[in-house]
Protein backbone atom coordinates (compact mmCIF):
# COMPACT_ATOMS: atom_id res chain seq x y z
CA MET A 1 9.40 -10.16 -0.75
CA ASP A 2 8.43 -10.67 -4.89
CA HIS A 3 4.65 -11.09 -4.33
CA VAL A 4 4.94 -7.55 -2.82
CA ARG A 5 7.11 -6.03 -5.22
CA ARG A 6 4.97 -7.19 -8.23
CA ALA A 7 1.70 -6.15 -6.70
CA TYR A 8 3.11 -2.63 -6.75
CA VAL A 9 4.34 -3.34 -10.25
CA ALA A 10 0.85 -4.44 -11.21
CA PHE A 11 -0.57 -1.70 -9.95
CA ALA A 12 1.39 0.51 -11.79
CA ASP A 13 0.85 -0.96 -15.17
CA GLY A 14 -2.70 -2.28 -14.65
CA GLY A 15 -4.31 0.11 -11.81
CA VAL A 16 -6.49 -1.44 -8.77
CA GLU A 17 -7.83 -4.31 -10.72
CA ALA A 18 -4.31 -5.35 -11.55
CA ALA A 19 -2.95 -5.51 -8.05
CA VAL A 20 -6.08 -6.55 -6.45
CA VAL A 21 -5.33 -10.31 -7.10
CA PHE A 22 -2.65 -10.49 -4.75
CA ALA A 23 -5.24 -9.55 -1.77
CA ALA A 24 -6.36 -12.95 -0.52
CA PRO A 25 -10.32 -12.79 -0.12
CA ASP A 26 -10.58 -12.61 3.35
CA ALA A 27 -7.22 -10.02 3.63
CA VAL A 28 -7.79 -7.05 5.73
CA ILE A 29 -5.57 -3.63 5.00
CA ARG A 30 -5.50 -0.95 7.76
CA SER A 31 -5.11 2.56 6.68
CA MET A 32 -2.40 5.04 7.66
CA PRO A 33 -3.02 6.43 10.95
CA GLY A 34 -5.05 9.61 10.70
CA TRP A 35 -6.75 8.48 7.77
CA PRO A 36 -9.95 10.74 7.30
CA ASP A 37 -12.18 7.60 6.03
CA ASP A 38 -12.29 3.89 7.25
CA ALA A 39 -9.47 2.47 9.45
CA GLU A 40 -9.61 -1.11 7.87
CA TYR A 41 -10.97 -2.52 4.87
CA HIS A 42 -11.84 -5.97 3.80
CA GLY A 43 -10.88 -8.30 1.09
CA PRO A 44 -10.47 -7.29 -2.47
CA ASP A 45 -13.44 -4.96 -2.33
CA GLY A 46 -11.95 -3.51 0.41
CA PHE A 47 -8.88 -2.73 -1.51
CA ARG A 48 -10.67 -1.15 -4.26
CA LYS A 49 -12.63 0.76 -1.89
CA LEU A 50 -9.23 2.15 -0.20
CA ALA A 51 -8.07 2.80 -4.39
CA ALA A 52 -10.65 4.62 -5.25
CA GLN A 53 -10.62 7.07 -1.79
CA TRP A 54 -7.11 7.72 -2.90
CA ALA A 55 -7.89 8.61 -6.42
CA GLU A 56 -10.71 10.51 -5.41
CA ASN A 57 -8.24 12.96 -3.89
CA PHE A 58 -5.34 12.89 -6.33
CA ASP A 59 -4.86 13.30 -9.95
CA ASP A 60 -1.76 10.68 -11.72
CA PHE A 61 -1.71 8.72 -8.17
CA GLY A 62 0.66 6.32 -7.99
CA PHE A 63 3.62 4.36 -6.12
CA GLU A 64 7.18 4.18 -6.93
CA VAL A 65 8.96 1.39 -4.90
CA PHE A 66 11.88 2.53 -3.00
CA ASP A 67 12.69 -0.78 -1.43
CA VAL A 68 11.18 -3.89 -0.21
CA ARG A 69 12.78 -5.81 3.10
CA ASP A 70 12.43 -8.75 4.33
CA ALA A 71 11.09 -8.83 8.29
CA GLY A 72 10.58 -12.46 9.25
CA ASP A 73 7.14 -13.32 8.72
CA SER A 74 6.51 -9.37 7.04
CA VAL A 75 7.33 -8.01 4.35
CA VAL A 76 8.26 -4.00 4.56
CA ALA A 77 7.50 -1.91 1.22
CA LEU A 78 9.06 1.41 1.11
CA VAL A 79 7.17 3.87 -1.69
CA ASP A 80 7.09 7.30 -2.92
CA MET A 81 3.60 7.99 -3.27
CA THR A 82 3.10 10.28 -6.16
CA GLY A 83 0.22 12.35 -7.62
CA ARG A 84 -1.38 15.98 -7.96
CA ILE A 85 -3.81 17.25 -5.86
CA LYS A 86 -7.20 17.02 -7.64
CA GLY A 87 -8.14 19.77 -9.53
CA SER A 88 -5.00 21.48 -9.17
CA ARG A 89 -1.37 21.63 -10.44
CA ALA A 90 -0.13 21.03 -6.50
CA SER A 91 2.17 17.81 -6.95
CA VAL A 92 2.31 15.66 -3.81
CA ASN A 93 5.62 12.96 -3.29
CA ALA A 94 4.88 11.41 0.45
CA GLN A 95 6.80 8.69 1.48
CA ILE A 96 4.87 5.92 2.89
CA GLY A 97 5.23 2.04 4.18
CA ALA A 98 3.50 -0.85 4.10
CA VAL A 99 3.59 -4.01 6.29
CA PHE A 100 2.40 -7.15 4.42
CA SER A 101 2.15 -10.28 6.34
CA ASP A 102 0.00 -13.44 6.68
CA PHE A 103 1.08 -14.71 3.28
CA ARG A 104 -0.81 -17.40 1.52
CA ASP A 105 -0.64 -18.90 -1.81
CA GLY A 106 1.01 -16.02 -3.16
CA LEU A 107 -1.42 -13.53 -1.67
CA PHE A 108 -1.24 -10.97 1.31
CA GLY A 109 -3.46 -11.50 4.34
CA TYR A 110 -2.74 -8.19 6.07
CA SER A 111 -1.44 -5.26 5.41
CA ARG A 112 -0.91 -1.98 7.34
CA TYR A 113 0.25 1.59 5.81
CA PHE A 114 2.22 4.43 7.81
CA SER A 115 2.72 7.64 7.04
CA THR A 116 6.30 7.38 6.94
CA TRP A 117 9.14 4.95 6.03
CA GLN A 118 10.26 5.08 9.61
CA ASP A 119 7.30 4.02 11.17
CA ALA A 120 6.76 0.89 9.03
CA LEU A 121 10.23 -0.26 9.52
CA GLU A 122 9.81 0.31 13.39
CA ALA A 123 6.47 -1.91 13.34
CA VAL A 124 8.41 -4.63 12.51
CA GLY A 125 11.70 -4.49 14.43
CA LEU A 126 13.89 -2.70 11.61
CA SER A 127 15.63 0.92 11.48
CA GLU A 128 16.75 2.49 8.19
């Protein structure tokens, strides 16, 4: 669980380059359902591409960790995604979830994002 929390702290403190070091070279990152771009990203470069796509749409983009839960072989992160829609003053605050698994040497090998906390929890058999 600590690896996931540290990755979010690294992202908050140093952006994607600080967080990408937590992804295995062959990591698979699945975007949330309905994401308008790629459904799946691969490795650190894929992580960078996904973060860049988020940043293209939002100013002051970031994550605030609400909770990190152990789910056996997986870890669930419940986070608030914050920012402002690019070019406007409209703020965004969405509760999204992520499931991380396939941990190797302190790196995650698989992550999947969800548009709600409940969907992320249900994906690993947990509930709020």
